[in-house]
Amino acid sequence: MSRHYLIDGYNLLYSLPELPPGNWEAKRSRLLERLAAEKPFGNNRATVVFDSREGAGNQSRLGDIAIVFTAGQTADEWISGHVRRTANPRIVVVVTDDQGLRRLIRGTGAKGLGTAEFWRQARPSPRDAVRELPIETDSITEELRKKWL
């Protein structure tokens, strides 16, 4: 069964060991780029929700990731409302370390997932997946010399 990850955007951003440099737009962009590259949500749907108490709100996409800027409400309110309106909340995974948000979704059937555990699900980058094996050419050559000579 496919899951839907609802990600508390600023909470996940602050969980990074180093906050990306630049203004808030650049910080959000770096977070979204990392999510798109590492895909800790696997092949499931993902929606990243950022607080935007002022303005009309905004929704966009970056590849597989839906991005929501709330309008007149917090990300926590948007996420908990979305969970409660979902026909099957058991497919929803809320990614946050915010205990208040976790309390808001308690009893709905949705799963709460901490940010550290979420990042551990990330696919290794291709360069991490390729490991160089130590090759001792001198010992191989000597071994072959003994067998063949």
N, C-alpha and C. Protein backbone atom coordinates (compact mmCIF):
# COMPACT_ATOMS: atom_id res chain seq x y z
N MET A 1 0.84 -1.17 0.00
CA MET A 1 0.00 0.00 0.00
C MET A 1 0.89 1.24 0.00
N SER A 2 0.59 2.15 -0.88
CA SER A 2 1.36 3.39 -0.99
C SER A 2 1.04 4.30 0.19
N ARG A 3 2.06 4.97 0.67
CA ARG A 3 1.90 5.89 1.79
C ARG A 3 1.94 7.33 1.30
N HIS A 4 1.50 8.24 2.13
CA HIS A 4 1.60 9.67 1.85
C HIS A 4 2.32 10.32 3.02
N TYR A 5 3.52 10.82 2.73
CA TYR A 5 4.33 11.50 3.75
C TYR A 5 3.95 12.97 3.77
N LEU A 6 3.50 13.44 4.93
CA LEU A 6 3.25 14.86 5.16
C LEU A 6 4.41 15.36 6.02
N ILE A 7 5.20 16.26 5.47
CA ILE A 7 6.44 16.67 6.11
C ILE A 7 6.33 18.09 6.63
N ASP A 8 6.58 18.26 7.92
CA ASP A 8 6.63 19.57 8.56
C ASP A 8 7.93 20.23 8.10
N GLY A 9 7.83 21.09 7.08
CA GLY A 9 8.99 21.61 6.37
C GLY A 9 10.03 22.30 7.24
N TYR A 10 9.61 23.30 8.02
CA TYR A 10 10.60 24.02 8.83
C TYR A 10 11.16 23.12 9.93
N ASN A 11 10.35 22.23 10.47
CA ASN A 11 10.83 21.30 11.48
C ASN A 11 11.93 20.41 10.90
N LEU A 12 11.73 19.92 9.69
CA LEU A 12 12.74 19.09 9.03
C LEU A 12 13.97 19.91 8.70
N LEU A 13 13.79 21.14 8.27
CA LEU A 13 14.91 22.03 7.95
C LEU A 13 15.79 22.25 9.19
N TYR A 14 15.15 22.51 10.32
CA TYR A 14 15.92 22.73 11.56
C TYR A 14 16.55 21.46 12.11
N SER A 15 16.14 20.31 11.63
CA SER A 15 16.74 19.06 12.11
C SER A 15 18.06 18.75 11.41
N LEU A 16 18.37 19.47 10.34
CA LEU A 16 19.62 19.22 9.63
C LEU A 16 20.80 19.59 10.52
N PRO A 17 21.91 18.84 10.45
CA PRO A 17 23.07 19.16 11.28
C PRO A 17 23.58 20.58 11.04
N GLU A 18 23.54 21.03 9.79
CA GLU A 18 23.93 22.40 9.47
C GLU A 18 22.81 23.03 8.67
N LEU A 19 22.35 24.17 9.13
CA LEU A 19 21.33 24.89 8.39
C LEU A 19 21.97 25.40 7.09
N PRO A 20 21.36 25.14 5.95
CA PRO A 20 21.95 25.61 4.70
C PRO A 20 22.14 27.13 4.71
N PRO A 21 23.14 27.62 4.02
CA PRO A 21 23.38 29.06 3.99
C PRO A 21 22.36 29.79 3.13
N GLY A 22 22.28 31.10 3.31
CA GLY A 22 21.43 31.93 2.47
C GLY A 22 20.16 32.37 3.17
N ASN A 23 19.31 33.02 2.39
CA ASN A 23 18.03 33.49 2.93
C ASN A 23 17.08 32.30 3.05
N TRP A 24 15.86 32.58 3.54
CA TRP A 24 14.93 31.46 3.79
C TRP A 24 14.53 30.75 2.51
N GLU A 25 14.42 31.48 1.42
CA GLU A 25 14.09 30.84 0.15
C GLU A 25 15.18 29.85 -0.27
N ALA A 26 16.44 30.26 -0.09
CA ALA A 26 17.58 29.39 -0.43
C ALA A 26 17.62 28.17 0.51
N LYS A 27 17.35 28.38 1.78
CA LYS A 27 17.36 27.27 2.75
C LYS A 27 16.28 26.24 2.39
N ARG A 28 15.07 26.73 2.06
CA ARG A 28 14.00 25.82 1.67
C ARG A 28 14.36 25.07 0.39
N SER A 29 14.94 25.79 -0.57
CA SER A 29 15.33 25.16 -1.84
C SER A 29 16.34 24.05 -1.62
N ARG A 30 17.33 24.29 -0.76
CA ARG A 30 18.34 23.26 -0.47
C ARG A 30 17.70 22.04 0.18
N LEU A 31 16.78 22.26 1.09
CA LEU A 31 16.08 21.14 1.73
C LEU A 31 15.30 20.34 0.68
N LEU A 32 14.56 21.04 -0.16
CA LEU A 32 13.75 20.35 -1.18
C LEU A 32 14.62 19.61 -2.18
N GLU A 33 15.76 20.19 -2.55
CA GLU A 33 16.69 19.51 -3.46
C GLU A 33 17.22 18.23 -2.82
N ARG A 34 17.54 18.32 -1.54
CA ARG A 34 18.04 17.13 -0.83
C ARG A 34 16.97 16.04 -0.76
N LEU A 35 15.74 16.43 -0.47
CA LEU A 35 14.64 15.46 -0.44
C LEU A 35 14.46 14.80 -1.79
N ALA A 36 14.51 15.59 -2.86
CA ALA A 36 14.34 15.05 -4.20
C ALA A 36 15.47 14.10 -4.57
N ALA A 37 16.69 14.39 -4.13
CA ALA A 37 17.85 13.56 -4.46
C ALA A 37 17.89 12.28 -3.63
N GLU A 38 17.61 12.38 -2.34
CA GLU A 38 17.76 11.23 -1.44
C GLU A 38 16.50 10.39 -1.28
N LYS A 39 15.35 10.97 -1.54
CA LYS A 39 14.06 10.28 -1.48
C LYS A 39 13.86 9.42 -0.22
N PRO A 40 13.94 10.02 0.97
CA PRO A 40 13.70 9.23 2.17
C PRO A 40 12.27 8.70 2.25
N PHE A 41 11.38 9.21 1.42
CA PHE A 41 10.00 8.75 1.38
C PHE A 41 9.81 7.63 0.36
N GLY A 42 10.90 7.19 -0.27
CA GLY A 42 10.84 6.09 -1.23
C GLY A 42 10.03 6.46 -2.46
N ASN A 43 9.21 5.53 -2.93
CA ASN A 43 8.36 5.78 -4.09
C ASN A 43 6.96 6.23 -3.68
N ASN A 44 6.82 6.67 -2.46
CA ASN A 44 5.53 7.12 -1.95
C ASN A 44 5.33 8.60 -2.25
N ARG A 45 4.09 9.06 -2.06
CA ARG A 45 3.79 10.49 -2.22
C ARG A 45 4.39 11.26 -1.06
N ALA A 46 4.81 12.50 -1.35
CA ALA A 46 5.36 13.36 -0.29
C ALA A 46 4.85 14.78 -0.49
N THR A 47 4.44 15.39 0.61
CA THR A 47 4.03 16.78 0.61
C THR A 47 4.79 17.48 1.73
N VAL A 48 5.51 18.54 1.37
CA VAL A 48 6.25 19.33 2.35
C VAL A 48 5.43 20.58 2.62
N VAL A 49 5.15 20.85 3.90
CA VAL A 49 4.29 21.95 4.28
C VAL A 49 5.10 22.97 5.07
N PHE A 50 5.09 24.23 4.59
CA PHE A 50 5.77 25.33 5.25
C PHE A 50 4.74 26.32 5.77
N ASP A 51 5.00 26.89 6.96
CA ASP A 51 4.15 27.94 7.51
C ASP A 51 4.23 29.18 6.64
N SER A 52 3.08 29.83 6.42
CA SER A 52 3.02 31.11 5.74
C SER A 52 1.76 31.79 6.23
N ARG A 53 1.81 32.36 7.39
CA ARG A 53 0.60 32.91 8.01
C ARG A 53 0.04 34.09 7.23
N GLU A 54 0.87 34.76 6.45
CA GLU A 54 0.40 35.89 5.66
C GLU A 54 0.37 35.49 4.20
N GLY A 55 -0.48 36.15 3.46
CA GLY A 55 -0.54 35.84 2.03
C GLY A 55 -1.64 34.84 1.74
N ALA A 56 -1.76 34.52 0.46
CA ALA A 56 -2.86 33.67 0.00
C ALA A 56 -2.50 32.19 0.02
N GLY A 57 -1.29 31.86 0.37
CA GLY A 57 -0.87 30.46 0.31
C GLY A 57 -0.43 30.12 -1.10
N ASN A 58 0.21 28.99 -1.24
CA ASN A 58 0.78 28.65 -2.53
C ASN A 58 1.03 27.15 -2.55
N GLN A 59 0.84 26.54 -3.70
CA GLN A 59 1.16 25.13 -3.88
C GLN A 59 1.95 24.98 -5.16
N SER A 60 2.98 24.14 -5.12
CA SER A 60 3.80 23.88 -6.30
C SER A 60 4.35 22.46 -6.20
N ARG A 61 5.21 22.11 -7.14
CA ARG A 61 5.81 20.77 -7.16
C ARG A 61 7.29 20.90 -7.49
N LEU A 62 8.05 19.96 -6.98
CA LEU A 62 9.43 19.76 -7.37
C LEU A 62 9.56 18.26 -7.63
N GLY A 63 9.46 17.85 -8.88
CA GLY A 63 9.49 16.43 -9.22
C GLY A 63 8.33 15.72 -8.56
N ASP A 64 8.63 14.74 -7.72
CA ASP A 64 7.60 13.95 -7.03
C ASP A 64 7.06 14.62 -5.78
N ILE A 65 7.61 15.75 -5.40
CA ILE A 65 7.29 16.37 -4.12
C ILE A 65 6.30 17.52 -4.31
N ALA A 66 5.18 17.45 -3.59
CA ALA A 66 4.24 18.57 -3.55
C ALA A 66 4.71 19.52 -2.45
N ILE A 67 4.62 20.82 -2.72
CA ILE A 67 5.07 21.83 -1.76
C ILE A 67 3.89 22.74 -1.46
N VAL A 68 3.60 22.92 -0.17
CA VAL A 68 2.48 23.74 0.26
C VAL A 68 2.99 24.83 1.19
N PHE A 69 2.62 26.08 0.88
CA PHE A 69 2.80 27.19 1.81
C PHE A 69 1.41 27.51 2.32
N THR A 70 1.21 27.40 3.62
CA THR A 70 -0.12 27.56 4.19
C THR A 70 -0.61 28.99 4.04
N ALA A 71 -1.90 29.17 4.17
CA ALA A 71 -2.52 30.49 4.10
C ALA A 71 -3.33 30.72 5.36
N GLY A 72 -2.87 31.61 6.21
CA GLY A 72 -3.61 31.96 7.42
C GLY A 72 -3.64 30.90 8.50
N GLN A 73 -2.79 29.91 8.40
CA GLN A 73 -2.72 28.86 9.43
C GLN A 73 -1.30 28.34 9.51
N THR A 74 -1.03 27.63 10.58
CA THR A 74 0.30 27.04 10.73
C THR A 74 0.39 25.75 9.92
N ALA A 75 1.61 25.31 9.70
CA ALA A 75 1.82 24.02 9.04
C ALA A 75 1.19 22.91 9.88
N ASP A 76 1.30 23.01 11.20
CA ASP A 76 0.71 22.00 12.08
C ASP A 76 -0.80 21.90 11.87
N GLU A 77 -1.47 23.05 11.79
CA GLU A 77 -2.92 23.05 11.58
C GLU A 77 -3.27 22.46 10.21
N TRP A 78 -2.50 22.83 9.19
CA TRP A 78 -2.76 22.31 7.85
C TRP A 78 -2.58 20.80 7.81
N ILE A 79 -1.48 20.32 8.40
CA ILE A 79 -1.19 18.88 8.40
C ILE A 79 -2.25 18.10 9.18
N SER A 80 -2.58 18.55 10.38
CA SER A 80 -3.56 17.82 11.18
C SER A 80 -4.93 17.85 10.51
N GLY A 81 -5.30 18.96 9.88
CA GLY A 81 -6.57 19.03 9.15
C GLY A 81 -6.58 18.08 7.97
N HIS A 82 -5.48 18.02 7.26
CA HIS A 82 -5.38 17.11 6.11
C HIS A 82 -5.50 15.65 6.56
N VAL A 83 -4.84 15.32 7.65
CA VAL A 83 -4.91 13.94 8.17
C VAL A 83 -6.36 13.61 8.52
N ARG A 84 -7.05 14.51 9.16
CA ARG A 84 -8.43 14.25 9.59
C ARG A 84 -9.41 14.18 8.41
N ARG A 85 -9.09 14.85 7.30
CA ARG A 85 -9.96 14.79 6.12
C ARG A 85 -9.64 13.62 5.19
N THR A 86 -8.50 12.95 5.42
CA THR A 86 -8.09 11.84 4.57
C THR A 86 -9.01 10.64 4.80
N ALA A 87 -9.43 10.02 3.72
CA ALA A 87 -10.33 8.87 3.82
C ALA A 87 -9.70 7.72 4.60
N ASN A 88 -8.40 7.49 4.41
CA ASN A 88 -7.71 6.41 5.11
C ASN A 88 -6.43 6.97 5.75
N PRO A 89 -6.55 7.54 6.95
CA PRO A 89 -5.38 8.15 7.59
C PRO A 89 -4.25 7.16 7.91
N ARG A 90 -4.52 5.87 7.85
CA ARG A 90 -3.48 4.87 8.15
C ARG A 90 -2.38 4.87 7.10
N ILE A 91 -2.62 5.46 5.94
CA ILE A 91 -1.57 5.52 4.92
C ILE A 91 -0.70 6.77 5.08
N VAL A 92 -1.07 7.65 6.01
CA VAL A 92 -0.36 8.91 6.20
C VAL A 92 0.76 8.76 7.23
N VAL A 93 1.93 9.30 6.87
CA VAL A 93 3.07 9.37 7.78
C VAL A 93 3.41 10.84 7.96
N VAL A 94 3.31 11.33 9.18
CA VAL A 94 3.62 12.73 9.47
C VAL A 94 5.05 12.80 9.99
N VAL A 95 5.90 13.52 9.26
CA VAL A 95 7.31 13.63 9.61
C VAL A 95 7.52 14.92 10.38
N THR A 96 7.82 14.79 11.68
CA THR A 96 8.05 15.94 12.54
C THR A 96 8.64 15.48 13.87
N ASP A 97 9.35 16.38 14.51
CA ASP A 97 9.78 16.16 15.89
C ASP A 97 8.92 16.97 16.84
N ASP A 98 7.96 17.70 16.32
CA ASP A 98 7.07 18.58 17.08
C ASP A 98 6.05 17.74 17.84
N GLN A 99 6.19 17.70 19.15
CA GLN A 99 5.29 16.88 19.98
C GLN A 99 3.86 17.41 19.94
N GLY A 100 3.69 18.72 19.77
CA GLY A 100 2.35 19.29 19.66
C GLY A 100 1.62 18.76 18.44
N LEU A 101 2.32 18.69 17.31
CA LEU A 101 1.72 18.14 16.09
C LEU A 101 1.44 16.66 16.25
N ARG A 102 2.33 15.96 16.90
CA ARG A 102 2.09 14.53 17.13
C ARG A 102 0.84 14.32 17.97
N ARG A 103 0.60 15.21 18.96
CA ARG A 103 -0.62 15.11 19.76
C ARG A 103 -1.85 15.39 18.90
N LEU A 104 -1.73 16.33 17.95
CA LEU A 104 -2.87 16.67 17.09
C LEU A 104 -3.30 15.50 16.21
N ILE A 105 -2.36 14.64 15.81
CA ILE A 105 -2.73 13.51 14.94
C ILE A 105 -2.98 12.23 15.71
N ARG A 106 -2.71 12.25 17.01
CA ARG A 106 -2.94 11.05 17.82
C ARG A 106 -4.39 10.60 17.72
N GLY A 107 -4.59 9.32 17.56
CA GLY A 107 -5.93 8.77 17.49
C GLY A 107 -6.54 8.75 16.09
N THR A 108 -5.82 9.29 15.12
CA THR A 108 -6.36 9.32 13.75
C THR A 108 -5.99 8.06 12.97
N GLY A 109 -4.96 7.36 13.41
CA GLY A 109 -4.45 6.21 12.66
C GLY A 109 -3.21 6.54 11.87
N ALA A 110 -2.92 7.85 11.71
CA ALA A 110 -1.71 8.26 11.01
C ALA A 110 -0.50 7.95 11.88
N LYS A 111 0.63 7.73 11.22
CA LYS A 111 1.86 7.42 11.94
C LYS A 111 2.71 8.68 12.06
N GLY A 112 3.30 8.88 13.22
CA GLY A 112 4.25 9.97 13.42
C GLY A 112 5.66 9.40 13.26
N LEU A 113 6.52 10.13 12.56
CA LEU A 113 7.89 9.69 12.31
C LEU A 113 8.83 10.84 12.60
N GLY A 114 9.83 10.59 13.44
CA GLY A 114 10.80 11.62 13.76
C GLY A 114 11.72 11.93 12.59
N THR A 115 12.31 13.11 12.61
CA THR A 115 13.14 13.54 11.49
C THR A 115 14.40 12.69 11.32
N ALA A 116 15.03 12.29 12.41
CA ALA A 116 16.25 11.46 12.31
C ALA A 116 15.93 10.12 11.67
N GLU A 117 14.83 9.51 12.08
CA GLU A 117 14.44 8.22 11.50
C GLU A 117 14.07 8.40 10.02
N PHE A 118 13.42 9.50 9.70
CA PHE A 118 13.07 9.79 8.31
C PHE A 118 14.32 9.86 7.43
N TRP A 119 15.35 10.59 7.89
CA TRP A 119 16.58 10.71 7.10
C TRP A 119 17.29 9.37 6.97
N ARG A 120 17.17 8.51 7.98
CA ARG A 120 17.82 7.18 7.90
C ARG A 120 17.23 6.33 6.78
N GLN A 121 16.02 6.65 6.36
CA GLN A 121 15.38 5.91 5.28
C GLN A 121 15.91 6.30 3.90
N ALA A 122 16.71 7.37 3.86
CA ALA A 122 17.17 7.90 2.56
C ALA A 122 17.99 6.87 1.81
N ARG A 123 17.83 6.88 0.50
CA ARG A 123 18.64 6.02 -0.36
C ARG A 123 20.07 6.53 -0.34
N PRO A 124 21.05 5.63 -0.34
CA PRO A 124 22.42 6.12 -0.43
C PRO A 124 22.64 6.75 -1.80
N SER A 125 23.46 7.79 -1.82
CA SER A 125 23.78 8.39 -3.11
C SER A 125 24.60 7.40 -3.92
N PRO A 126 24.59 7.50 -5.25
CA PRO A 126 25.34 6.53 -6.08
C PRO A 126 26.81 6.43 -5.69
N ARG A 127 27.43 7.53 -5.33
CA ARG A 127 28.86 7.45 -4.96
C ARG A 127 29.06 6.73 -3.63
N ASP A 128 28.04 6.79 -2.72
CA ASP A 128 28.14 6.04 -1.46
C ASP A 128 27.93 4.56 -1.70
N ALA A 129 27.11 4.21 -2.70
CA ALA A 129 26.79 2.81 -2.96
C ALA A 129 27.96 2.06 -3.59
N VAL A 130 28.83 2.77 -4.31
CA VAL A 130 29.97 2.13 -4.96
C VAL A 130 31.14 2.17 -3.99
N ARG A 131 31.56 1.02 -3.58
CA ARG A 131 32.69 0.95 -2.65
C ARG A 131 33.87 0.36 -3.38
N GLU A 132 34.99 0.99 -3.19
CA GLU A 132 36.19 0.45 -3.82
C GLU A 132 36.74 -0.68 -2.97
N LEU A 133 37.02 -1.78 -3.62
CA LEU A 133 37.59 -2.91 -2.92
C LEU A 133 39.11 -2.79 -2.94
N PRO A 134 39.74 -3.05 -1.81
CA PRO A 134 41.19 -2.97 -1.81
C PRO A 134 41.79 -4.09 -2.66
N ILE A 135 42.65 -3.73 -3.56
CA ILE A 135 43.30 -4.72 -4.42
C ILE A 135 44.80 -4.61 -4.18
N GLU A 136 45.35 -5.71 -3.78
CA GLU A 136 46.79 -5.74 -3.55
C GLU A 136 47.43 -6.38 -4.79
N THR A 137 47.89 -5.57 -5.68
CA THR A 137 48.41 -6.10 -6.94
C THR A 137 49.69 -6.89 -6.75
N ASP A 138 50.51 -6.51 -5.77
CA ASP A 138 51.76 -7.24 -5.56
C ASP A 138 51.50 -8.67 -5.11
N SER A 139 50.56 -8.87 -4.18
CA SER A 139 50.29 -10.22 -3.70
C SER A 139 49.61 -11.06 -4.78
N ILE A 140 48.76 -10.45 -5.57
CA ILE A 140 48.12 -11.20 -6.66
C ILE A 140 49.18 -11.63 -7.67
N THR A 141 50.05 -10.74 -8.01
CA THR A 141 51.11 -11.06 -8.97
C THR A 141 52.00 -12.17 -8.43
N GLU A 142 52.36 -12.10 -7.16
CA GLU A 142 53.21 -13.12 -6.56
C GLU A 142 52.48 -14.46 -6.53
N GLU A 143 51.21 -14.44 -6.19
CA GLU A 143 50.42 -15.67 -6.16
C GLU A 143 50.35 -16.30 -7.56
N LEU A 144 50.08 -15.49 -8.55
CA LEU A 144 50.05 -16.02 -9.92
C LEU A 144 51.41 -16.54 -10.36
N ARG A 145 52.45 -15.86 -9.96
CA ARG A 145 53.80 -16.29 -10.33
C ARG A 145 54.07 -17.69 -9.77
N LYS A 146 53.65 -17.93 -8.52
CA LYS A 146 53.88 -19.24 -7.90
C LYS A 146 53.08 -20.33 -8.63
N LYS A 147 51.86 -20.03 -9.05
CA LYS A 147 51.03 -21.03 -9.71
C LYS A 147 51.48 -21.30 -11.13
N TRP A 148 51.92 -20.32 -11.81
CA TRP A 148 52.22 -20.46 -13.23
C TRP A 148 53.69 -20.69 -13.55
N LEU A 149 54.55 -20.44 -12.63
CA LEU A 149 55.99 -20.64 -12.93
C LEU A 149 56.57 -21.84 -12.26
